Amino acid sequence: MRSSRPVPSWVPEQGCTGGLDGGLLVSLPAIARLLRRHFVAVLVILVIAAGVDYGIKHSAPTFMETETMVFVPPSSGAHPNPLSAVGGSMLETAGTVAVDVMSPQEQQQVLQAGGTASYDVELLNSYNLEYPNYSNAYLSVTTSSTDPAAVQRTFVVVNRLITDQFTAQQVRDNVALNNRIQILQTGDTGPLIEQGSPKRVMIGLIILTLVAIFGVAMFLERHPVRIGPLGRRSAPGRTPGRPDWTRRDSAGRPLAD
């Protein structure tokens, strides 16, 4: 028996070609009519997307400065390769330094010393505490901000904080000079503009815009919203602007007269 339910206008019409999975493909004229029926919603999404694109293109560039800190074990006559004796503890030491310098107390010290840019200190490969695969312990130090002067200033403050506190800790532990761990700073890039991919950003924005347009249009097609005179959604079967005097039971169902 043929159903009397009205067929939504977004259902593909006759003449549409079938897909590989047996489904129907919506024709371009049907898509155009769908978007035209919900022109206001489509226009709002396009305006939002244009605003996002404008904000991305006119935002201030981000500067970054990064380097690698290498923790070098002391020389030893008994161990020509000192890492064979202290390699594990060296990695743990570097990891502890990274955790300490990223603590709220240390971040407050950096701020008080003039380091206003954001910074990050972590092991070059954070899993090497469990699976050490480098000949020495490495820390990656990175600062970033839209102000290149703040980037360099914070970079200097963080470096000084790490080296001074680590040296002071070895002094408190009465470590002899010839047995102290040394920190070498390598690969300082200086403040550089963070490189992005404008093409990837634009492609991603276009895809998200298309998904939003068709998603909203299909939702409104399945759930049409009828606006009353005062901007209120009118209930079906009721004249907008007039009170509903229908007698109803406790469940809200109309009572028979």
C-alpha atoms as a PDB file:
ATOM      1  CA  MET A   1       0.000   0.000   0.000  1.00  0.00           C
ATOM      2  CA  ARG A   2       1.354   3.419  -0.905  1.00  0.00           C
ATOM      3  CA  SER A   3       2.083   5.668   2.024  1.00  0.00           C
ATOM      4  CA  SER A   4       0.272   8.998   2.244  1.00  0.00           C
ATOM      5  CA  ARG A   5       3.172  10.682   4.067  1.00  0.00           C
ATOM      6  CA  PRO A   6       4.535  13.639   2.095  1.00  0.00           C
ATOM      7  CA  VAL A   7       7.965  13.055   0.661  1.00  0.00           C
ATOM      8  CA  PRO A   8      10.514  15.627   1.837  1.00  0.00           C
ATOM      9  CA  SER A   9      11.734  17.905  -0.882  1.00  0.00           C
ATOM     10  CA  TRP A  10      15.330  16.912  -0.303  1.00  0.00           C
ATOM     11  CA  VAL A  11      14.719  13.318  -1.445  1.00  0.00           C
ATOM     12  CA  PRO A  12      16.437  12.695  -4.847  1.00  0.00           C
ATOM     13  CA  GLU A  13      14.199  13.000  -7.840  1.00  0.00           C
ATOM     14  CA  GLN A  14      13.741  10.639 -10.746  1.00  0.00           C
ATOM     15  CA  GLY A  15      16.637  10.616 -13.120  1.00  0.00           C
ATOM     16  CA  CYS A  16      19.297  10.817 -10.426  1.00  0.00           C
ATOM     17  CA  THR A  17      22.107   8.349 -10.977  1.00  0.00           C
ATOM     18  CA  GLY A  18      22.822   5.629  -8.462  1.00  0.00           C
ATOM     19  CA  GLY A  19      25.956   5.335  -6.365  1.00  0.00           C
ATOM     20  CA  LEU A  20      28.287   2.361  -6.147  1.00  0.00           C
ATOM     21  CA  ASP A  21      26.499   1.156  -3.007  1.00  0.00           C
ATOM     22  CA  GLY A  22      23.084   1.288  -4.636  1.00  0.00           C
ATOM     23  CA  GLY A  23      22.134   4.622  -3.028  1.00  0.00           C
ATOM     24  CA  LEU A  24      20.811   7.596  -4.954  1.00  0.00           C
ATOM     25  CA  LEU A  25      22.887  10.671  -5.609  1.00  0.00           C
ATOM     26  CA  VAL A  26      21.199  14.042  -5.162  1.00  0.00           C
ATOM     27  CA  SER A  27      21.241  16.088  -8.352  1.00  0.00           C
ATOM     28  CA  LEU A  28      22.825  19.529  -8.497  1.00  0.00           C
ATOM     29  CA  PRO A  29      19.466  21.277  -9.155  1.00  0.00           C
ATOM     30  CA  ALA A  30      18.036  19.607  -6.035  1.00  0.00           C
ATOM     31  CA  ILE A  31      21.009  20.804  -3.973  1.00  0.00           C
ATOM     32  CA  ALA A  32      20.588  24.329  -5.344  1.00  0.00           C
ATOM     33  CA  ARG A  33      16.890  24.351  -4.412  1.00  0.00           C
ATOM     34  CA  LEU A  34      17.713  23.037  -0.929  1.00  0.00           C
ATOM     35  CA  LEU A  35      20.218  25.828  -0.296  1.00  0.00           C
ATOM     36  CA  ARG A  36      17.887  28.454  -1.792  1.00  0.00           C
ATOM     37  CA  ARG A  37      15.081  27.444   0.579  1.00  0.00           C
ATOM     38  CA  HIS A  38      17.417  28.020   3.550  1.00  0.00           C
ATOM     39  CA  PHE A  39      19.228  31.024   2.155  1.00  0.00           C
ATOM     40  CA  VAL A  40      19.290  32.922   5.449  1.00  0.00           C
ATOM     41  CA  ALA A  41      20.974  30.063   7.357  1.00  0.00           C
ATOM     42  CA  VAL A  42      23.490  29.588   4.531  1.00  0.00           C
ATOM     43  CA  LEU A  43      24.247  33.322   4.518  1.00  0.00           C
ATOM     44  CA  VAL A  44      24.839  33.350   8.292  1.00  0.00           C
ATOM     45  CA  ILE A  45      27.315  30.462   8.023  1.00  0.00           C
ATOM     46  CA  LEU A  46      29.150  32.153   5.156  1.00  0.00           C
ATOM     47  CA  VAL A  47      29.438  35.397   7.154  1.00  0.00           C
ATOM     48  CA  ILE A  48      30.847  33.487  10.150  1.00  0.00           C
ATOM     49  CA  ALA A  49      33.355  31.666   7.918  1.00  0.00           C
ATOM     50  CA  ALA A  50      34.421  34.967   6.337  1.00  0.00           C
ATOM     51  CA  GLY A  51      34.948  36.438   9.807  1.00  0.00           C
ATOM     52  CA  VAL A  52      37.084  33.482  10.875  1.00  0.00           C
ATOM     53  CA  ASP A  53      39.152  33.777   7.698  1.00  0.00           C
ATOM     54  CA  TYR A  54      39.655  37.507   8.252  1.00  0.00           C
ATOM     55  CA  GLY A  55      40.740  36.917  11.849  1.00  0.00           C
ATOM     56  CA  ILE A  56      43.269  34.271  10.798  1.00  0.00           C
ATOM     57  CA  LYS A  57      44.784  36.420   8.047  1.00  0.00           C
ATOM     58  CA  HIS A  58      45.043  39.565  10.180  1.00  0.00           C
ATOM     59  CA  SER A  59      46.192  37.996  13.460  1.00  0.00           C
ATOM     60  CA  ALA A  60      49.657  38.867  14.742  1.00  0.00           C
ATOM     61  CA  PRO A  61      52.351  36.276  13.901  1.00  0.00           C
ATOM     62  CA  THR A  62      53.727  34.087  16.667  1.00  0.00           C
ATOM     63  CA  PHE A  63      57.467  34.063  17.327  1.00  0.00           C
ATOM     64  CA  MET A  64      59.280  31.072  18.785  1.00  0.00           C
ATOM     65  CA  GLU A  65      62.778  30.414  20.092  1.00  0.00           C
ATOM     66  CA  THR A  66      63.999  26.933  20.881  1.00  0.00           C
ATOM     67  CA  GLU A  67      67.158  25.096  21.865  1.00  0.00           C
ATOM     68  CA  THR A  68      68.342  21.738  23.166  1.00  0.00           C
ATOM     69  CA  MET A  69      69.932  21.313  26.586  1.00  0.00           C
ATOM     70  CA  VAL A  70      72.301  18.350  26.858  1.00  0.00           C
ATOM     71  CA  PHE A  71      73.116  16.896  30.290  1.00  0.00           C
ATOM     72  CA  VAL A  72      76.701  15.620  30.098  1.00  0.00           C
ATOM     73  CA  PRO A  73      77.935  13.188  32.795  1.00  0.00           C
ATOM     74  CA  PRO A  74      81.347  13.727  34.425  1.00  0.00           C
ATOM     75  CA  SER A  75      84.482  12.079  33.036  1.00  0.00           C
ATOM     76  CA  SER A  76      85.540   8.897  34.781  1.00  0.00           C
ATOM     77  CA  GLY A  77      88.740   6.842  34.595  1.00  0.00           C
ATOM     78  CA  ALA A  78      86.930   3.717  35.783  1.00  0.00           C
ATOM     79  CA  HIS A  79      84.233   4.169  33.173  1.00  0.00           C
ATOM     80  CA  PRO A  80      85.532   5.460  29.823  1.00  0.00           C
ATOM     81  CA  ASN A  81      81.894   5.733  28.821  1.00  0.00           C
ATOM     82  CA  PRO A  82      80.348   7.276  31.964  1.00  0.00           C
ATOM     83  CA  LEU A  83      76.862   6.887  30.523  1.00  0.00           C
ATOM     84  CA  SER A  84      77.157   3.133  31.061  1.00  0.00           C
ATOM     85  CA  ALA A  85      77.257   3.809  34.809  1.00  0.00           C
ATOM     86  CA  VAL A  86      74.958   6.813  35.219  1.00  0.00           C
ATOM     87  CA  GLY A  87      72.863   6.860  32.023  1.00  0.00           C
ATOM     88  CA  GLY A  88      69.586   5.943  33.712  1.00  0.00           C
ATOM     89  CA  SER A  89      69.968   8.451  36.529  1.00  0.00           C
ATOM     90  CA  MET A  90      70.936  11.153  34.007  1.00  0.00           C
ATOM     91  CA  LEU A  91      67.641  10.742  32.181  1.00  0.00           C
ATOM     92  CA  GLU A  92      65.734  10.851  35.466  1.00  0.00           C
ATOM     93  CA  THR A  93      67.663  13.969  36.487  1.00  0.00           C
ATOM     94  CA  ALA A  94      66.778  15.747  33.244  1.00  0.00           C
ATOM     95  CA  GLY A  95      63.146  14.706  33.587  1.00  0.00           C
ATOM     96  CA  THR A  96      63.039  16.016  37.168  1.00  0.00           C
ATOM     97  CA  VAL A  97      64.505  19.357  36.062  1.00  0.00           C
ATOM     98  CA  ALA A  98      61.826  19.660  33.358  1.00  0.00           C
ATOM     99  CA  VAL A  99      59.020  18.944  35.833  1.00  0.00           C
ATOM    100  CA  ASP A 100      60.402  21.406  38.398  1.00  0.00           C
ATOM    101  CA  VAL A 101      60.857  24.301  35.981  1.00  0.00           C
ATOM    102  CA  MET A 102      57.275  23.864  34.692  1.00  0.00           C
ATOM    103  CA  SER A 103      55.767  23.936  38.196  1.00  0.00           C
ATOM    104  CA  PRO A 104      53.578  26.927  39.191  1.00  0.00           C
ATOM    105  CA  GLN A 105      56.243  28.152  41.638  1.00  0.00           C
ATOM    106  CA  GLU A 106      58.957  28.203  38.959  1.00  0.00           C
ATOM    107  CA  GLN A 107      56.627  29.849  36.448  1.00  0.00           C
ATOM    108  CA  GLN A 108      56.001  32.606  38.977  1.00  0.00           C
ATOM    109  CA  GLN A 109      59.755  33.108  39.335  1.00  0.00           C
ATOM    110  CA  VAL A 110      60.127  33.376  35.563  1.00  0.00           C
ATOM    111  CA  LEU A 111      57.357  35.981  35.445  1.00  0.00           C
ATOM    112  CA  GLN A 112      58.903  37.998  38.269  1.00  0.00           C
ATOM    113  CA  ALA A 113      62.251  37.979  36.438  1.00  0.00           C
ATOM    114  CA  GLY A 114      60.646  39.508  33.341  1.00  0.00           C
ATOM    115  CA  GLY A 115      59.725  36.384  31.390  1.00  0.00           C
ATOM    116  CA  THR A 116      56.295  37.340  30.057  1.00  0.00           C
ATOM    117  CA  ALA A 117      56.174  34.922  27.109  1.00  0.00           C
ATOM    118  CA  SER A 118      54.863  31.380  27.401  1.00  0.00           C
ATOM    119  CA  TYR A 119      57.494  28.656  27.638  1.00  0.00           C
ATOM    120  CA  ASP A 120      57.789  24.892  27.639  1.00  0.00           C
ATOM    121  CA  VAL A 121      60.559  22.628  28.938  1.00  0.00           C
ATOM    122  CA  GLU A 122      60.356  18.875  28.385  1.00  0.00           C
ATOM    123  CA  LEU A 123      62.415  15.831  27.533  1.00  0.00           C
ATOM    124  CA  LEU A 124      63.146  15.667  23.843  1.00  0.00           C
ATOM    125  CA  ASN A 125      61.318  12.342  23.779  1.00  0.00           C
ATOM    126  CA  SER A 126      59.134  12.151  26.856  1.00  0.00           C
ATOM    127  CA  TYR A 127      59.041   8.337  26.882  1.00  0.00           C
ATOM    128  CA  ASN A 128      62.813   7.966  27.216  1.00  0.00           C
ATOM    129  CA  LEU A 129      62.578   7.634  31.012  1.00  0.00           C
ATOM    130  CA  GLU A 130      61.229   4.139  30.351  1.00  0.00           C
ATOM    131  CA  TYR A 131      62.939   3.479  27.023  1.00  0.00           C
ATOM    132  CA  PRO A 132      66.204   5.471  26.962  1.00  0.00           C
ATOM    133  CA  ASN A 133      67.478   5.560  23.410  1.00  0.00           C
ATOM    134  CA  TYR A 134      69.783   8.588  23.394  1.00  0.00           C
ATOM    135  CA  SER A 135      73.453   8.762  24.338  1.00  0.00           C
ATOM    136  CA  ASN A 136      72.729  11.722  26.639  1.00  0.00           C
ATOM    137  CA  ALA A 137      69.728  13.298  28.354  1.00  0.00           C
ATOM    138  CA  TYR A 138      68.213  16.071  26.252  1.00  0.00           C
ATOM    139  CA  LEU A 139      65.783  18.838  27.219  1.00  0.00           C
ATOM    140  CA  SER A 140      63.907  20.920  24.690  1.00  0.00           C
ATOM    141  CA  VAL A 141      63.382  24.556  25.756  1.00  0.00           C
ATOM    142  CA  THR A 142      60.861  26.631  23.803  1.00  0.00           C
ATOM    143  CA  THR A 143      59.418  30.116  24.319  1.00  0.00           C
ATOM    144  CA  SER A 144      56.654  31.678  22.227  1.00  0.00           C
ATOM    145  CA  SER A 145      54.796  34.990  21.991  1.00  0.00           C
ATOM    146  CA  THR A 146      53.620  37.572  19.484  1.00  0.00           C
ATOM    147  CA  ASP A 147      56.359  39.872  20.841  1.00  0.00           C
ATOM    148  CA  PRO A 148      59.854  38.771  19.699  1.00  0.00           C
ATOM    149  CA  ALA A 149      61.519  40.787  22.486  1.00  0.00           C
ATOM    150  CA  ALA A 150      59.446  38.947  25.107  1.00  0.00           C
ATOM    151  CA  VAL A 151      60.360  35.630  23.476  1.00  0.00           C
ATOM    152  CA  GLN A 152      64.093  36.254  23.768  1.00  0.00           C
ATOM    153  CA  ARG A 153      63.848  37.760  27.248  1.00  0.00           C
ATOM    154  CA  THR A 154      61.878  34.779  28.570  1.00  0.00           C
ATOM    155  CA  PHE A 155      64.280  32.403  26.842  1.00  0.00           C
ATOM    156  CA  VAL A 156      67.248  33.931  28.687  1.00  0.00           C
ATOM    157  CA  VAL A 157      65.391  33.875  32.024  1.00  0.00           C
ATOM    158  CA  VAL A 158      64.395  30.197  31.688  1.00  0.00           C
ATOM    159  CA  ASN A 159      67.927  29.160  30.699  1.00  0.00           C
ATOM    160  CA  ARG A 160      69.453  31.012  33.634  1.00  0.00           C
ATOM    161  CA  LEU A 161      66.879  29.549  36.032  1.00  0.00           C
ATOM    162  CA  ILE A 162      67.612  25.975  34.932  1.00  0.00           C
ATOM    163  CA  THR A 163      71.399  26.231  35.031  1.00  0.00           C
ATOM    164  CA  ASP A 164      71.583  28.232  38.269  1.00  0.00           C
ATOM    165  CA  GLN A 165      69.190  26.000  40.182  1.00  0.00           C
ATOM    166  CA  PHE A 166      70.775  22.800  38.899  1.00  0.00           C
ATOM    167  CA  THR A 167      74.253  23.994  39.841  1.00  0.00           C
ATOM    168  CA  ALA A 168      73.017  25.130  43.268  1.00  0.00           C
ATOM    169  CA  GLN A 169      71.472  21.700  43.861  1.00  0.00           C
ATOM    170  CA  GLN A 170      74.777  19.956  43.148  1.00  0.00           C
ATOM    171  CA  VAL A 171      76.556  22.367  45.512  1.00  0.00           C
ATOM    172  CA  ARG A 172      74.039  21.600  48.282  1.00  0.00           C
ATOM    173  CA  ASP A 173      74.625  17.890  47.676  1.00  0.00           C
ATOM    174  CA  ASN A 174      78.414  18.439  48.126  1.00  0.00           C
ATOM    175  CA  VAL A 175      79.211  17.136  44.650  1.00  0.00           C
ATOM    176  CA  ALA A 176      82.876  17.712  43.796  1.00  0.00           C
ATOM    177  CA  LEU A 177      83.641  19.868  40.783  1.00  0.00           C
ATOM    178  CA  ASN A 178      85.096  16.979  38.773  1.00  0.00           C
ATOM    179  CA  ASN A 179      81.969  14.893  39.474  1.00  0.00           C
ATOM    180  CA  ARG A 180      79.322  17.451  38.544  1.00  0.00           C
ATOM    181  CA  ILE A 181      76.947  17.072  35.627  1.00  0.00           C
ATOM    182  CA  GLN A 182      77.389  19.760  33.005  1.00  0.00           C
ATOM    183  CA  ILE A 183      74.628  21.366  30.908  1.00  0.00           C
ATOM    184  CA  LEU A 184      75.430  22.272  27.311  1.00  0.00           C
ATOM    185  CA  GLN A 185      73.126  24.541  25.320  1.00  0.00           C
ATOM    186  CA  THR A 186      72.955  23.801  21.596  1.00  0.00           C
ATOM    187  CA  GLY A 187      70.838  24.709  18.602  1.00  0.00           C
ATOM    188  CA  ASP A 188      69.550  28.115  19.738  1.00  0.00           C
ATOM    189  CA  THR A 189      67.348  29.273  16.856  1.00  0.00           C
ATOM    190  CA  GLY A 190      66.742  32.828  18.018  1.00  0.00           C
ATOM    191  CA  PRO A 191      63.256  34.363  17.694  1.00  0.00           C
ATOM    192  CA  LEU A 192      61.679  33.032  14.491  1.00  0.00           C
ATOM    193  CA  ILE A 193      58.186  33.430  13.069  1.00  0.00           C
ATOM    194  CA  GLU A 194      56.227  30.221  13.580  1.00  0.00           C
ATOM    195  CA  GLN A 195      55.648  28.774  10.138  1.00  0.00           C
ATOM    196  CA  GLY A 196      52.175  27.564   9.278  1.00  0.00           C
ATOM    197  CA  SER A 197      50.430  26.398   6.125  1.00  0.00           C
ATOM    198  CA  PRO A 198      47.881  28.975   4.864  1.00  0.00           C
ATOM    199  CA  LYS A 199      46.717  26.563   2.175  1.00  0.00           C
ATOM    200  CA  ARG A 200      45.950  23.809   4.698  1.00  0.00           C
ATOM    201  CA  VAL A 201      44.119  26.282   6.930  1.00  0.00           C
ATOM    202  CA  MET A 202      42.052  27.563   3.999  1.00  0.00           C
ATOM    203  CA  ILE A 203      41.186  24.048   2.793  1.00  0.00           C
ATOM    204  CA  GLY A 204      40.152  23.035   6.300  1.00  0.00           C
ATOM    205  CA  LEU A 205      37.984  26.149   6.694  1.00  0.00           C
ATOM    206  CA  ILE A 206      36.281  25.493   3.332  1.00  0.00           C
ATOM    207  CA  ILE A 207      35.540  21.879   4.271  1.00  0.00           C
ATOM    208  CA  LEU A 208      34.127  22.872   7.661  1.00  0.00           C
ATOM    209  CA  THR A 209      31.997  25.583   6.015  1.00  0.00           C
ATOM    210  CA  LEU A 210      30.531  23.148   3.476  1.00  0.00           C
ATOM    211  CA  VAL A 211      29.789  20.588   6.203  1.00  0.00           C
ATOM    212  CA  ALA A 212      28.080  23.261   8.303  1.00  0.00           C
ATOM    213  CA  ILE A 213      26.015  24.563   5.358  1.00  0.00           C
ATOM    214  CA  PHE A 214      24.685  21.164   4.309  1.00  0.00           C
ATOM    215  CA  GLY A 215      24.261  19.973   7.901  1.00  0.00           C
ATOM    216  CA  VAL A 216      22.152  22.997   8.875  1.00  0.00           C
ATOM    217  CA  ALA A 217      20.175  22.913   5.609  1.00  0.00           C
ATOM    218  CA  MET A 218      19.310  19.219   6.017  1.00  0.00           C
ATOM    219  CA  PHE A 219      18.378  19.743   9.672  1.00  0.00           C
ATOM    220  CA  LEU A 220      16.030  22.621   8.810  1.00  0.00           C
ATOM    221  CA  GLU A 221      14.568  20.575   5.954  1.00  0.00           C
ATOM    222  CA  ARG A 222      13.675  17.744   8.318  1.00  0.00           C
ATOM    223  CA  HIS A 223      12.665  20.024  11.215  1.00  0.00           C
ATOM    224  CA  PRO A 224      11.044  23.124   9.716  1.00  0.00           C
ATOM    225  CA  VAL A 225      10.659  26.068  12.085  1.00  0.00           C
ATOM    226  CA  ARG A 226       7.578  28.268  11.657  1.00  0.00           C
ATOM    227  CA  ILE A 227       7.870  31.659  13.297  1.00  0.00           C
ATOM    228  CA  GLY A 228       4.754  33.355  14.709  1.00  0.00           C
ATOM    229  CA  PRO A 229       3.952  37.079  14.578  1.00  0.00           C
ATOM    230  CA  LEU A 230       5.893  37.882  17.760  1.00  0.00           C
ATOM    231  CA  GLY A 231       8.909  35.746  16.857  1.00  0.00           C
ATOM    232  CA  ARG A 232       7.547  32.726  18.763  1.00  0.00           C
ATOM    233  CA  ARG A 233       7.442  29.265  17.282  1.00  0.00           C
ATOM    234  CA  SER A 234       3.817  28.436  16.590  1.00  0.00           C
ATOM    235  CA  ALA A 235       2.409  25.030  17.427  1.00  0.00           C
ATOM    236  CA  PRO A 236       0.756  23.049  14.586  1.00  0.00           C
ATOM    237  CA  GLY A 237      -3.044  23.286  14.482  1.00  0.00           C
ATOM    238  CA  ARG A 238      -3.166  26.515  16.481  1.00  0.00           C
ATOM    239  CA  THR A 239      -3.753  30.016  15.180  1.00  0.00           C
ATOM    240  CA  PRO A 240      -0.827  32.265  16.072  1.00  0.00           C
ATOM    241  CA  GLY A 241      -1.684  35.061  18.473  1.00  0.00           C
ATOM    242  CA  ARG A 242      -4.834  33.377  19.921  1.00  0.00           C
ATOM    243  CA  PRO A 243      -5.055  31.563  23.272  1.00  0.00           C
ATOM    244  CA  ASP A 244      -5.673  27.830  23.247  1.00  0.00           C
ATOM    245  CA  TRP A 245      -8.963  27.173  25.128  1.00  0.00           C
ATOM    246  CA  THR A 246      -8.943  23.416  24.405  1.00  0.00           C
ATOM    247  CA  ARG A 247      -9.672  21.377  27.549  1.00  0.00           C
ATOM    248  CA  ARG A 248      -6.847  18.914  28.238  1.00  0.00           C
ATOM    249  CA  ASP A 249      -6.211  16.154  30.755  1.00  0.00           C
ATOM    250  CA  SER A 250      -3.205  15.914  33.088  1.00  0.00           C
ATOM    251  CA  ALA A 251      -1.100  14.387  30.270  1.00  0.00           C
ATOM    252  CA  GLY A 252      -1.885  17.312  27.925  1.00  0.00           C
ATOM    253  CA  ARG A 253      -4.254  15.343  25.646  1.00  0.00           C
ATOM    254  CA  PRO A 254      -7.405  17.134  24.356  1.00  0.00           C
ATOM    255  CA  LEU A 255     -10.625  16.043  26.100  1.00  0.00           C
ATOM    256  CA  ALA A 256     -13.640  15.015  24.056  1.00  0.00           C
ATOM    257  CA  ASP A 257     -16.641  17.356  24.328  1.00  0.00           C
END
